[in-house]
Amino acid sequence: MVLNNDLKICFEELRKYLDIEVPKFPKYASSLINLANQYAQGTRPRVVGQMRKLNQQFTGKTLSEWEEWYLKQKPDAIKKRQKRYFRCFIKLKFQEAILKKGAEIKGTDYRLTEPDEESQGIDGYIGKIPISIKPYTYEVKASLPKHIEVKIIYYRKMDDSIEVDYGEIL
C-alpha cells in the first residue's frame, strides 16, 4: 500500500514518543536469542502467555518495570522457557555426539548441516551420507505429515546414557 505524503518515524523517535529505554546487548546476542526461540519455541503463547493481551494490560514504560510486572503475571513462564531451551540444547548436542560416534564406527568424518540442508530434514552427514536423527518416539508417530528421504538414526535417552540405533547406516 502506498501512502500519500509518506512519513517515516525512526526507531529513535519511537523510543522517545513511547518513553522506552534502549536495552544494550552484546554483539550477535539478539540473533542467537532469536535462533534459540525458533528452535525451542520458547515464546509461544502456551509458554509465555498472550503477549498482545499482556502488553495492553501493562501500564509501565521501562524494561525493568515490564520484568517486575510480567513475573507477577506469569511466575512460571521463565522456568517453562528455560526448560524448553535446555531440552533443545541437549537435543542438538546429542545429534553431534551421535554423528561423531557414527563417523568413528564407519571410519569417516562427520559434519552438522547448513540451514538449507536442515530445512530438508537433514541433521548432519556421516561421510557423504545425509542423516536425520530422531528420538525413538518419532518412529511410532505413524501419522506424521512429513516423510524424510534420508537415513534415520534413532536414539533413546536413558538414565545414564543415550541408546542409539545405527542400523540404517551400518
N, C-alpha and C. Protein backbone atom coordinates (compact mmCIF):
# COMPACT_ATOMS: atom_id res chain seq x y z
N MET A 1 0.85 -1.17 0.00
CA MET A 1 0.00 0.00 0.00
C MET A 1 0.90 1.24 0.00
N VAL A 2 0.67 2.14 -0.90
CA VAL A 2 1.42 3.38 -0.98
C VAL A 2 0.59 4.49 -0.36
N LEU A 3 1.19 5.18 0.57
CA LEU A 3 0.51 6.28 1.23
C LEU A 3 0.97 7.60 0.64
N ASN A 4 0.06 8.54 0.55
CA ASN A 4 0.44 9.89 0.13
C ASN A 4 1.15 10.56 1.28
N ASN A 5 2.10 11.39 0.96
CA ASN A 5 2.84 12.13 1.98
C ASN A 5 3.49 11.19 2.99
N ASP A 6 4.19 10.16 2.49
CA ASP A 6 4.86 9.19 3.37
C ASP A 6 5.72 9.91 4.40
N LEU A 7 5.68 9.44 5.61
CA LEU A 7 6.49 9.99 6.68
C LEU A 7 7.04 8.82 7.47
N LYS A 8 8.32 8.85 7.74
CA LYS A 8 8.95 7.77 8.50
C LYS A 8 9.18 8.22 9.93
N ILE A 9 8.95 7.32 10.84
CA ILE A 9 9.28 7.55 12.25
C ILE A 9 10.40 6.58 12.57
N CYS A 10 11.59 7.08 12.79
CA CYS A 10 12.73 6.21 13.06
C CYS A 10 12.59 5.59 14.46
N PHE A 11 13.34 4.52 14.69
CA PHE A 11 13.24 3.83 15.96
C PHE A 11 13.61 4.72 17.14
N GLU A 12 14.57 5.60 16.92
CA GLU A 12 14.97 6.52 17.99
C GLU A 12 13.78 7.41 18.38
N GLU A 13 13.03 7.89 17.37
CA GLU A 13 11.85 8.70 17.66
C GLU A 13 10.77 7.87 18.34
N LEU A 14 10.58 6.64 17.88
CA LEU A 14 9.59 5.76 18.52
C LEU A 14 9.88 5.61 20.00
N ARG A 15 11.14 5.36 20.31
CA ARG A 15 11.53 5.21 21.71
C ARG A 15 11.24 6.49 22.50
N LYS A 16 11.50 7.63 21.87
CA LYS A 16 11.26 8.91 22.53
C LYS A 16 9.77 9.11 22.78
N TYR A 17 8.93 8.86 21.76
CA TYR A 17 7.49 9.03 21.89
C TYR A 17 6.89 8.10 22.94
N LEU A 18 7.42 6.90 22.99
CA LEU A 18 6.89 5.90 23.92
C LEU A 18 7.65 5.86 25.24
N ASP A 19 8.65 6.71 25.37
CA ASP A 19 9.46 6.78 26.58
C ASP A 19 10.03 5.41 26.94
N ILE A 20 10.70 4.81 25.97
CA ILE A 20 11.25 3.46 26.13
C ILE A 20 12.77 3.55 26.21
N GLU A 21 13.34 2.87 27.21
CA GLU A 21 14.80 2.81 27.31
C GLU A 21 15.34 1.84 26.26
N VAL A 22 16.56 2.05 25.85
CA VAL A 22 17.18 1.21 24.83
C VAL A 22 18.03 0.15 25.53
N PRO A 23 17.62 -1.14 25.42
CA PRO A 23 18.44 -2.18 26.05
C PRO A 23 19.76 -2.35 25.32
N LYS A 24 20.78 -2.70 26.04
CA LYS A 24 22.11 -2.92 25.48
C LYS A 24 22.40 -4.43 25.50
N PHE A 25 22.69 -4.98 24.33
CA PHE A 25 23.02 -6.39 24.21
C PHE A 25 24.39 -6.52 23.57
N PRO A 26 25.14 -7.57 23.92
CA PRO A 26 26.42 -7.80 23.23
C PRO A 26 26.16 -8.09 21.75
N LYS A 27 27.16 -7.87 20.94
CA LYS A 27 27.05 -8.13 19.51
C LYS A 27 26.59 -9.56 19.26
N TYR A 28 25.66 -9.75 18.36
CA TYR A 28 25.10 -11.04 17.94
C TYR A 28 24.18 -11.68 18.97
N ALA A 29 24.02 -11.09 20.16
CA ALA A 29 23.17 -11.70 21.18
C ALA A 29 21.73 -11.83 20.71
N SER A 30 21.19 -10.80 20.09
CA SER A 30 19.79 -10.86 19.67
C SER A 30 19.59 -11.92 18.58
N SER A 31 20.57 -12.10 17.70
CA SER A 31 20.47 -13.14 16.68
C SER A 31 20.44 -14.53 17.31
N LEU A 32 21.30 -14.74 18.31
CA LEU A 32 21.33 -16.03 19.00
C LEU A 32 20.04 -16.27 19.77
N ILE A 33 19.52 -15.24 20.41
CA ILE A 33 18.27 -15.36 21.16
C ILE A 33 17.13 -15.72 20.20
N ASN A 34 17.07 -15.05 19.06
CA ASN A 34 16.02 -15.35 18.08
C ASN A 34 16.13 -16.77 17.56
N LEU A 35 17.34 -17.23 17.30
CA LEU A 35 17.54 -18.60 16.83
C LEU A 35 17.12 -19.61 17.89
N ALA A 36 17.50 -19.37 19.13
CA ALA A 36 17.10 -20.25 20.23
C ALA A 36 15.58 -20.29 20.36
N ASN A 37 14.94 -19.14 20.24
CA ASN A 37 13.48 -19.10 20.31
C ASN A 37 12.84 -19.90 19.19
N GLN A 38 13.41 -19.78 18.00
CA GLN A 38 12.88 -20.51 16.86
C GLN A 38 12.90 -22.01 17.09
N TYR A 39 14.04 -22.52 17.53
CA TYR A 39 14.18 -23.96 17.75
C TYR A 39 13.38 -24.45 18.95
N ALA A 40 13.45 -23.73 20.05
CA ALA A 40 12.83 -24.19 21.29
C ALA A 40 11.37 -23.78 21.39
N GLN A 41 10.92 -22.91 20.51
CA GLN A 41 9.56 -22.39 20.55
C GLN A 41 9.24 -21.82 21.94
N GLY A 42 10.23 -21.13 22.49
CA GLY A 42 10.12 -20.61 23.85
C GLY A 42 9.27 -19.38 24.01
N THR A 43 8.84 -18.78 22.91
CA THR A 43 7.99 -17.60 23.02
C THR A 43 6.56 -17.87 22.56
N ARG A 44 6.17 -19.12 22.49
CA ARG A 44 4.80 -19.47 22.13
C ARG A 44 3.86 -19.05 23.25
N PRO A 45 2.63 -18.66 22.92
CA PRO A 45 1.68 -18.22 23.95
C PRO A 45 1.46 -19.23 25.07
N ARG A 46 1.51 -20.51 24.76
CA ARG A 46 1.30 -21.50 25.83
C ARG A 46 2.46 -21.52 26.83
N VAL A 47 3.60 -20.96 26.42
CA VAL A 47 4.77 -20.91 27.30
C VAL A 47 4.83 -19.59 28.06
N VAL A 48 4.69 -18.48 27.34
CA VAL A 48 4.89 -17.16 27.95
C VAL A 48 3.63 -16.32 28.08
N GLY A 49 2.51 -16.78 27.53
CA GLY A 49 1.27 -16.01 27.59
C GLY A 49 1.02 -15.27 26.29
N GLN A 50 -0.17 -14.69 26.18
CA GLN A 50 -0.55 -13.91 25.00
C GLN A 50 0.05 -12.52 25.12
N MET A 51 1.12 -12.27 24.38
CA MET A 51 1.86 -11.02 24.53
C MET A 51 1.03 -9.78 24.20
N ARG A 52 0.19 -9.84 23.18
CA ARG A 52 -0.62 -8.67 22.85
C ARG A 52 -1.51 -8.30 24.02
N LYS A 53 -2.16 -9.29 24.60
CA LYS A 53 -3.05 -9.05 25.74
C LYS A 53 -2.25 -8.53 26.94
N LEU A 54 -1.12 -9.16 27.22
CA LEU A 54 -0.29 -8.72 28.34
C LEU A 54 0.22 -7.30 28.12
N ASN A 55 0.62 -7.00 26.88
CA ASN A 55 1.13 -5.66 26.57
C ASN A 55 0.05 -4.60 26.78
N GLN A 56 -1.19 -4.93 26.44
CA GLN A 56 -2.28 -3.98 26.62
C GLN A 56 -2.57 -3.73 28.11
N GLN A 57 -2.32 -4.74 28.94
CA GLN A 57 -2.57 -4.60 30.38
C GLN A 57 -1.44 -3.86 31.09
N PHE A 58 -0.25 -3.90 30.53
CA PHE A 58 0.92 -3.30 31.16
C PHE A 58 0.87 -1.78 31.05
N THR A 59 1.06 -1.08 32.16
CA THR A 59 0.99 0.39 32.16
C THR A 59 2.36 1.05 32.36
N GLY A 60 3.39 0.29 32.61
CA GLY A 60 4.72 0.85 32.83
C GLY A 60 5.39 1.27 31.53
N LYS A 61 6.64 1.72 31.64
CA LYS A 61 7.38 2.20 30.47
C LYS A 61 8.72 1.51 30.26
N THR A 62 9.37 1.09 31.33
CA THR A 62 10.74 0.60 31.21
C THR A 62 10.79 -0.92 31.16
N LEU A 63 11.93 -1.41 30.72
CA LEU A 63 12.16 -2.84 30.66
C LEU A 63 12.13 -3.45 32.06
N SER A 64 12.71 -2.78 33.03
CA SER A 64 12.71 -3.31 34.40
C SER A 64 11.29 -3.32 34.98
N GLU A 65 10.47 -2.32 34.64
CA GLU A 65 9.06 -2.33 35.09
C GLU A 65 8.31 -3.51 34.46
N TRP A 66 8.57 -3.73 33.16
CA TRP A 66 7.94 -4.86 32.48
C TRP A 66 8.31 -6.18 33.15
N GLU A 67 9.59 -6.34 33.41
CA GLU A 67 10.08 -7.58 34.02
C GLU A 67 9.38 -7.84 35.35
N GLU A 68 9.34 -6.84 36.20
CA GLU A 68 8.71 -6.99 37.51
C GLU A 68 7.22 -7.30 37.37
N TRP A 69 6.53 -6.57 36.51
CA TRP A 69 5.09 -6.76 36.30
C TRP A 69 4.81 -8.14 35.69
N TYR A 70 5.58 -8.50 34.67
CA TYR A 70 5.38 -9.77 33.96
C TYR A 70 5.57 -10.97 34.90
N LEU A 71 6.60 -10.91 35.73
CA LEU A 71 6.86 -12.03 36.64
C LEU A 71 5.75 -12.22 37.66
N LYS A 72 5.03 -11.15 37.98
CA LYS A 72 3.86 -11.28 38.85
C LYS A 72 2.70 -11.93 38.10
N GLN A 73 2.58 -11.62 36.81
CA GLN A 73 1.50 -12.18 35.99
C GLN A 73 1.74 -13.64 35.62
N LYS A 74 2.97 -13.96 35.28
CA LYS A 74 3.35 -15.29 34.77
C LYS A 74 4.57 -15.81 35.52
N PRO A 75 4.43 -16.15 36.79
CA PRO A 75 5.61 -16.54 37.58
C PRO A 75 6.34 -17.79 37.09
N ASP A 76 5.67 -18.68 36.36
CA ASP A 76 6.31 -19.91 35.89
C ASP A 76 6.82 -19.82 34.46
N ALA A 77 6.57 -18.73 33.77
CA ALA A 77 6.91 -18.63 32.35
C ALA A 77 8.40 -18.78 32.10
N ILE A 78 9.24 -18.16 32.90
CA ILE A 78 10.68 -18.24 32.67
C ILE A 78 11.18 -19.66 32.88
N LYS A 79 10.68 -20.35 33.91
CA LYS A 79 11.07 -21.74 34.14
C LYS A 79 10.66 -22.62 32.96
N LYS A 80 9.44 -22.43 32.45
CA LYS A 80 8.97 -23.20 31.30
C LYS A 80 9.87 -22.96 30.09
N ARG A 81 10.19 -21.70 29.88
CA ARG A 81 11.01 -21.33 28.73
C ARG A 81 12.41 -21.91 28.85
N GLN A 82 13.01 -21.81 30.03
CA GLN A 82 14.35 -22.36 30.24
C GLN A 82 14.36 -23.86 30.01
N LYS A 83 13.32 -24.53 30.46
CA LYS A 83 13.23 -25.98 30.28
C LYS A 83 13.20 -26.34 28.79
N ARG A 84 12.45 -25.57 28.01
CA ARG A 84 12.38 -25.81 26.57
C ARG A 84 13.74 -25.57 25.91
N TYR A 85 14.42 -24.49 26.30
CA TYR A 85 15.75 -24.19 25.74
C TYR A 85 16.73 -25.30 26.09
N PHE A 86 16.69 -25.74 27.33
CA PHE A 86 17.63 -26.77 27.76
C PHE A 86 17.41 -28.06 26.97
N ARG A 87 16.13 -28.46 26.82
CA ARG A 87 15.82 -29.66 26.04
C ARG A 87 16.32 -29.53 24.60
N CYS A 88 16.11 -28.35 24.01
CA CYS A 88 16.54 -28.11 22.63
C CYS A 88 18.07 -28.18 22.55
N PHE A 89 18.76 -27.54 23.50
CA PHE A 89 20.22 -27.54 23.51
C PHE A 89 20.76 -28.95 23.64
N ILE A 90 20.19 -29.73 24.57
CA ILE A 90 20.63 -31.11 24.78
C ILE A 90 20.40 -31.93 23.52
N LYS A 91 19.25 -31.74 22.88
CA LYS A 91 18.96 -32.49 21.64
C LYS A 91 20.02 -32.19 20.58
N LEU A 92 20.39 -30.92 20.42
CA LEU A 92 21.41 -30.57 19.43
C LEU A 92 22.76 -31.17 19.79
N LYS A 93 23.09 -31.22 21.06
CA LYS A 93 24.35 -31.82 21.49
C LYS A 93 24.31 -33.34 21.29
N PHE A 94 23.16 -33.97 21.53
CA PHE A 94 23.01 -35.40 21.26
C PHE A 94 23.28 -35.67 19.79
N GLN A 95 22.73 -34.83 18.92
CA GLN A 95 22.91 -35.03 17.49
C GLN A 95 24.38 -35.03 17.11
N GLU A 96 25.13 -34.08 17.63
CA GLU A 96 26.55 -34.02 17.29
C GLU A 96 27.29 -35.25 17.81
N ALA A 97 27.00 -35.67 19.03
CA ALA A 97 27.67 -36.85 19.59
C ALA A 97 27.31 -38.10 18.79
N ILE A 98 26.05 -38.21 18.38
CA ILE A 98 25.60 -39.37 17.60
C ILE A 98 26.32 -39.40 16.24
N LEU A 99 26.42 -38.25 15.61
CA LEU A 99 27.14 -38.17 14.32
C LEU A 99 28.61 -38.52 14.49
N LYS A 100 29.22 -38.00 15.53
CA LYS A 100 30.65 -38.23 15.78
C LYS A 100 30.92 -39.72 16.02
N LYS A 101 30.08 -40.36 16.83
CA LYS A 101 30.25 -41.80 17.12
C LYS A 101 30.00 -42.62 15.86
N GLY A 102 28.98 -42.26 15.08
CA GLY A 102 28.71 -42.97 13.82
C GLY A 102 29.88 -42.86 12.85
N ALA A 103 30.48 -41.68 12.77
CA ALA A 103 31.64 -41.48 11.90
C ALA A 103 32.81 -42.32 12.39
N GLU A 104 32.99 -42.40 13.70
CA GLU A 104 34.05 -43.23 14.28
C GLU A 104 33.84 -44.69 13.91
N ILE A 105 32.61 -45.17 14.03
CA ILE A 105 32.28 -46.57 13.70
C ILE A 105 32.57 -46.84 12.22
N LYS A 106 32.19 -45.90 11.34
CA LYS A 106 32.37 -46.08 9.90
C LYS A 106 33.77 -45.72 9.41
N GLY A 107 34.59 -45.14 10.29
CA GLY A 107 35.94 -44.75 9.90
C GLY A 107 35.95 -43.59 8.92
N THR A 108 35.09 -42.63 9.14
CA THR A 108 34.99 -41.48 8.25
C THR A 108 34.82 -40.20 9.06
N ASP A 109 34.51 -39.12 8.39
CA ASP A 109 34.28 -37.86 9.09
C ASP A 109 32.78 -37.60 9.23
N TYR A 110 32.43 -36.51 9.89
CA TYR A 110 31.04 -36.10 10.04
C TYR A 110 30.98 -34.59 9.98
N ARG A 111 29.76 -34.09 9.78
CA ARG A 111 29.54 -32.65 9.91
C ARG A 111 28.07 -32.40 10.19
N LEU A 112 27.82 -31.29 10.86
CA LEU A 112 26.46 -30.83 11.07
C LEU A 112 25.97 -30.13 9.81
N THR A 113 24.68 -29.88 9.72
CA THR A 113 24.12 -29.31 8.50
C THR A 113 24.22 -27.79 8.44
N GLU A 114 24.04 -27.31 7.24
CA GLU A 114 23.83 -25.89 6.96
C GLU A 114 22.31 -25.66 7.03
N PRO A 115 21.87 -24.41 7.22
CA PRO A 115 20.43 -24.15 7.35
C PRO A 115 19.58 -24.67 6.19
N ASP A 116 20.07 -24.57 4.95
CA ASP A 116 19.27 -25.05 3.81
C ASP A 116 19.13 -26.58 3.84
N GLU A 117 20.12 -27.28 4.35
CA GLU A 117 20.04 -28.74 4.46
C GLU A 117 19.09 -29.13 5.57
N GLU A 118 19.15 -28.38 6.66
CA GLU A 118 18.29 -28.66 7.80
C GLU A 118 16.82 -28.57 7.41
N SER A 119 16.48 -27.63 6.55
CA SER A 119 15.09 -27.47 6.11
C SER A 119 14.61 -28.66 5.29
N GLN A 120 15.53 -29.51 4.86
CA GLN A 120 15.19 -30.73 4.12
C GLN A 120 15.10 -31.95 5.04
N GLY A 121 15.20 -31.72 6.36
CA GLY A 121 15.11 -32.81 7.31
C GLY A 121 16.44 -33.49 7.60
N ILE A 122 17.54 -32.88 7.18
CA ILE A 122 18.87 -33.45 7.40
C ILE A 122 19.49 -32.80 8.63
N ASP A 123 19.99 -33.62 9.56
CA ASP A 123 20.63 -33.10 10.77
C ASP A 123 22.15 -33.09 10.66
N GLY A 124 22.69 -33.91 9.77
CA GLY A 124 24.14 -33.95 9.61
C GLY A 124 24.53 -34.99 8.58
N TYR A 125 25.83 -35.17 8.44
CA TYR A 125 26.37 -36.15 7.48
C TYR A 125 27.38 -37.02 8.18
N ILE A 126 27.34 -38.30 7.87
CA ILE A 126 28.39 -39.23 8.26
C ILE A 126 29.04 -39.63 6.95
N GLY A 127 30.27 -39.15 6.75
CA GLY A 127 30.88 -39.26 5.42
C GLY A 127 30.04 -38.43 4.47
N LYS A 128 29.57 -39.05 3.39
CA LYS A 128 28.72 -38.35 2.43
C LYS A 128 27.24 -38.71 2.60
N ILE A 129 26.93 -39.48 3.66
CA ILE A 129 25.56 -39.95 3.88
C ILE A 129 24.76 -38.90 4.66
N PRO A 130 23.68 -38.36 4.06
CA PRO A 130 22.85 -37.42 4.82
C PRO A 130 22.05 -38.20 5.89
N ILE A 131 21.99 -37.64 7.07
CA ILE A 131 21.41 -38.33 8.22
C ILE A 131 20.36 -37.43 8.89
N SER A 132 19.27 -38.05 9.31
CA SER A 132 18.30 -37.40 10.18
C SER A 132 18.35 -38.14 11.52
N ILE A 133 18.36 -37.41 12.59
CA ILE A 133 18.46 -38.02 13.93
C ILE A 133 17.17 -37.73 14.67
N LYS A 134 16.51 -38.80 15.10
CA LYS A 134 15.19 -38.66 15.73
C LYS A 134 15.12 -39.50 16.99
N PRO A 135 14.34 -39.07 17.98
CA PRO A 135 14.10 -39.91 19.15
C PRO A 135 13.25 -41.11 18.75
N TYR A 136 13.34 -42.19 19.53
CA TYR A 136 12.54 -43.39 19.25
C TYR A 136 11.06 -43.07 19.15
N THR A 137 10.59 -42.10 19.91
CA THR A 137 9.16 -41.75 19.89
C THR A 137 8.71 -41.29 18.52
N TYR A 138 9.61 -40.78 17.71
CA TYR A 138 9.30 -40.35 16.35
C TYR A 138 8.85 -41.54 15.50
N GLU A 139 9.48 -42.67 15.74
CA GLU A 139 9.23 -43.89 14.96
C GLU A 139 7.78 -44.35 15.09
N VAL A 140 7.18 -44.14 16.26
CA VAL A 140 5.82 -44.63 16.49
C VAL A 140 4.75 -43.66 16.02
N LYS A 141 5.14 -42.49 15.59
CA LYS A 141 4.18 -41.50 15.11
C LYS A 141 3.87 -41.77 13.64
N ALA A 142 2.98 -42.72 13.40
CA ALA A 142 2.69 -43.15 12.03
C ALA A 142 1.99 -42.08 11.20
N SER A 143 1.35 -41.14 11.85
CA SER A 143 0.58 -40.15 11.10
C SER A 143 1.36 -38.87 10.83
N LEU A 144 2.67 -38.93 10.87
CA LEU A 144 3.46 -37.73 10.61
C LEU A 144 3.26 -37.26 9.17
N PRO A 145 3.03 -35.96 8.98
CA PRO A 145 2.75 -35.45 7.63
C PRO A 145 3.98 -35.41 6.73
N LYS A 146 5.16 -35.38 7.29
CA LYS A 146 6.38 -35.17 6.51
C LYS A 146 7.19 -36.47 6.46
N HIS A 147 7.50 -36.92 5.28
CA HIS A 147 8.34 -38.11 5.13
C HIS A 147 9.77 -37.67 4.84
N ILE A 148 10.70 -38.21 5.59
CA ILE A 148 12.11 -37.83 5.44
C ILE A 148 12.78 -38.82 4.51
N GLU A 149 13.43 -38.30 3.46
CA GLU A 149 14.03 -39.11 2.41
C GLU A 149 15.50 -39.43 2.65
N VAL A 150 15.96 -39.41 3.88
CA VAL A 150 17.35 -39.72 4.18
C VAL A 150 17.40 -40.82 5.23
N LYS A 151 18.60 -41.32 5.48
CA LYS A 151 18.78 -42.34 6.51
C LYS A 151 18.46 -41.73 7.87
N ILE A 152 17.79 -42.53 8.70
CA ILE A 152 17.40 -42.05 10.02
C ILE A 152 18.12 -42.85 11.09
N ILE A 153 18.70 -42.15 12.05
CA ILE A 153 19.29 -42.77 13.23
C ILE A 153 18.37 -42.43 14.40
N TYR A 154 17.89 -43.46 15.07
CA TYR A 154 17.01 -43.26 16.22
C TYR A 154 17.81 -43.35 17.51
N TYR A 155 17.40 -42.57 18.50
CA TYR A 155 18.05 -42.64 19.81
C TYR A 155 17.01 -42.59 20.91
N ARG A 156 17.41 -43.10 22.06
CA ARG A 156 16.56 -43.08 23.25
C ARG A 156 17.43 -42.61 24.41
N LYS A 157 16.96 -41.61 25.13
CA LYS A 157 17.69 -41.11 26.29
C LYS A 157 17.42 -42.05 27.46
N MET A 158 18.49 -42.56 28.05
CA MET A 158 18.39 -43.44 29.21
C MET A 158 18.82 -42.62 30.44
N ASP A 159 18.82 -43.24 31.61
CA ASP A 159 19.21 -42.52 32.83
C ASP A 159 20.65 -42.03 32.78
N ASP A 160 21.55 -42.87 32.26
CA ASP A 160 22.96 -42.51 32.29
C ASP A 160 23.63 -42.54 30.91
N SER A 161 22.82 -42.58 29.85
CA SER A 161 23.39 -42.68 28.50
C SER A 161 22.30 -42.40 27.46
N ILE A 162 22.70 -42.47 26.20
CA ILE A 162 21.71 -42.50 25.12
C ILE A 162 21.93 -43.78 24.33
N GLU A 163 20.85 -44.43 24.02
CA GLU A 163 20.88 -45.68 23.26
C GLU A 163 20.62 -45.31 21.80
N VAL A 164 21.52 -45.73 20.90
CA VAL A 164 21.46 -45.29 19.50
C VAL A 164 21.38 -46.49 18.58
N ASP A 165 20.47 -46.40 17.59
CA ASP A 165 20.33 -47.43 16.58
C ASP A 165 20.94 -46.93 15.27
N TYR A 166 22.14 -47.42 14.95
CA TYR A 166 22.83 -47.03 13.73
C TYR A 166 22.51 -47.97 12.58
N GLY A 167 21.48 -48.81 12.72
CA GLY A 167 21.17 -49.84 11.74
C GLY A 167 21.09 -49.37 10.30
N GLU A 168 20.54 -48.20 10.03
CA GLU A 168 20.37 -47.75 8.64
C GLU A 168 21.68 -47.33 7.98
N ILE A 169 22.73 -47.08 8.76
CA ILE A 169 23.99 -46.65 8.12
C ILE A 169 25.09 -47.70 8.18
N LEU A 170 24.89 -48.76 8.93
CA LEU A 170 25.95 -49.78 9.06
C LEU A 170 25.81 -50.84 7.98
